Amino acid sequence: MTSSADVVYWYFKSDVDPWSTTANEWTTYSDVEMTIIEEAYQEDKNEILLDQYKIDLKNLIQTKLSDKTKQRPIRREVNGCKRQEWNCSH
C-alpha cells in the first residue's frame, strides 16, 4: 500500500525486443495514463483497457488490442523503488 506522500511511476519496456534480457530501456506512461493505471492497481483490478492496449496488472504485461502478439513487460515503481524489489528502504 502506498501513502499519499509516495510517488508512483508506471513504465513499459520500450526496447525493440521487449523480452531481451540484455536490453533494458523503460519509458514512463503519460501522467494521465499513470493515474488511470494506478487507480486500477489500487482497486485490485486484474486488467484495464488503455487506448489501444490491454494492461494486465497481475502479470505486468501490456498487449496491443489490434495484435495480441505485440506484448511488452510493464513495471511499477514507488519513490524510485521497483515493485519486484522486496527490500526497498522507501
Protein backbone atom coordinates (compact mmCIF):
# COMPACT_ATOMS: atom_id res chain seq x y z
CA MET A 1 0.00 0.00 0.00
CA THR A 2 1.26 3.45 -0.78
CA SER A 3 0.85 6.59 1.29
CA SER A 4 -0.31 9.91 -0.11
CA ALA A 5 3.31 11.12 0.01
CA ASP A 6 4.52 8.29 -2.22
CA VAL A 7 5.25 8.98 -5.87
CA VAL A 8 4.26 6.12 -8.18
CA TYR A 9 5.54 5.67 -11.72
CA TRP A 10 4.42 3.14 -14.33
CA TYR A 11 6.74 2.12 -17.17
CA PHE A 12 6.64 -0.08 -20.26
CA LYS A 13 9.72 -1.75 -21.69
CA SER A 14 10.46 0.16 -24.87
CA ASP A 15 13.32 -1.83 -26.36
CA VAL A 16 12.97 -3.06 -29.94
CA ASP A 17 12.88 -6.57 -28.43
CA PRO A 18 10.98 -6.02 -25.18
CA TRP A 19 11.74 -9.55 -23.95
CA SER A 20 15.51 -9.21 -24.37
CA THR A 21 17.41 -9.83 -21.16
CA THR A 22 20.37 -7.69 -22.29
CA ALA A 23 18.48 -4.51 -23.25
CA ASN A 24 16.81 -2.55 -20.51
CA GLU A 25 15.12 0.61 -21.81
CA TRP A 26 11.95 1.67 -20.00
CA THR A 27 9.59 4.54 -20.84
CA THR A 28 7.09 6.13 -18.48
CA TYR A 29 3.45 6.27 -19.36
CA SER A 30 1.94 9.76 -19.56
CA ASP A 31 0.76 11.33 -16.29
CA VAL A 32 -2.88 10.69 -17.20
CA GLU A 33 -2.15 7.07 -18.12
CA MET A 34 -0.19 6.53 -14.91
CA THR A 35 -3.11 7.89 -12.87
CA ILE A 36 -5.55 5.55 -14.62
CA ILE A 37 -3.25 2.55 -14.21
CA GLU A 38 -2.50 3.29 -10.56
CA GLU A 39 -6.18 3.75 -9.68
CA ALA A 40 -6.95 0.36 -11.24
CA TYR A 41 -3.98 -1.17 -9.42
CA GLN A 42 -5.14 0.24 -6.07
CA GLU A 43 -8.65 -1.12 -6.77
CA ASP A 44 -7.02 -4.55 -7.28
CA LYS A 45 -8.27 -4.88 -10.85
CA ASN A 46 -6.78 -7.65 -12.97
CA GLU A 47 -6.66 -5.62 -16.16
CA ILE A 48 -7.79 -2.40 -17.81
CA LEU A 49 -8.11 -1.06 -21.33
CA LEU A 50 -5.98 1.97 -22.06
CA ASP A 51 -6.29 3.48 -25.53
CA GLN A 52 -5.18 0.71 -27.89
CA TYR A 53 -3.75 -1.54 -25.18
CA LYS A 54 -4.84 -4.02 -22.55
CA ILE A 55 -2.85 -3.54 -19.34
CA ASP A 56 -2.59 -6.79 -17.37
CA LEU A 57 -1.94 -5.69 -13.79
CA LYS A 58 -1.43 -9.20 -12.42
CA ASN A 59 1.15 -10.40 -14.94
CA LEU A 60 2.52 -6.90 -15.65
CA ILE A 61 2.11 -7.10 -19.42
CA GLN A 62 0.86 -4.58 -21.97
CA THR A 63 -0.84 -6.12 -25.04
CA LYS A 64 -1.79 -4.28 -28.21
CA LEU A 65 -5.51 -4.83 -28.83
CA SER A 66 -5.16 -4.98 -32.62
CA ASP A 67 -2.30 -7.52 -32.47
CA LYS A 68 -2.22 -9.85 -29.46
CA THR A 69 1.32 -10.94 -30.36
CA LYS A 70 2.62 -7.44 -29.56
CA GLN A 71 3.28 -7.55 -25.85
CA ARG A 72 5.64 -5.70 -23.54
CA PRO A 73 6.50 -6.00 -19.86
CA ILE A 74 5.38 -3.17 -17.61
CA ARG A 75 6.57 -2.22 -14.16
CA ARG A 76 5.57 -0.09 -11.21
CA GLU A 77 7.94 1.96 -9.07
CA VAL A 78 7.16 3.70 -5.80
CA ASN A 79 9.60 6.50 -4.94
CA GLY A 80 12.06 5.06 -7.44
CA CYS A 81 11.83 1.55 -5.97
CA LYS A 82 10.69 -1.28 -8.25
CA ARG A 83 7.73 -3.35 -7.13
CA GLN A 84 9.80 -6.51 -7.54
CA GLU A 85 12.39 -5.31 -5.03
CA TRP A 86 11.28 -6.77 -1.73
CA ASN A 87 13.92 -4.99 0.37
CA CYS A 88 13.24 -1.39 -0.63
CA SER A 89 14.01 1.06 2.12
CA HIS A 90 11.38 3.63 0.99
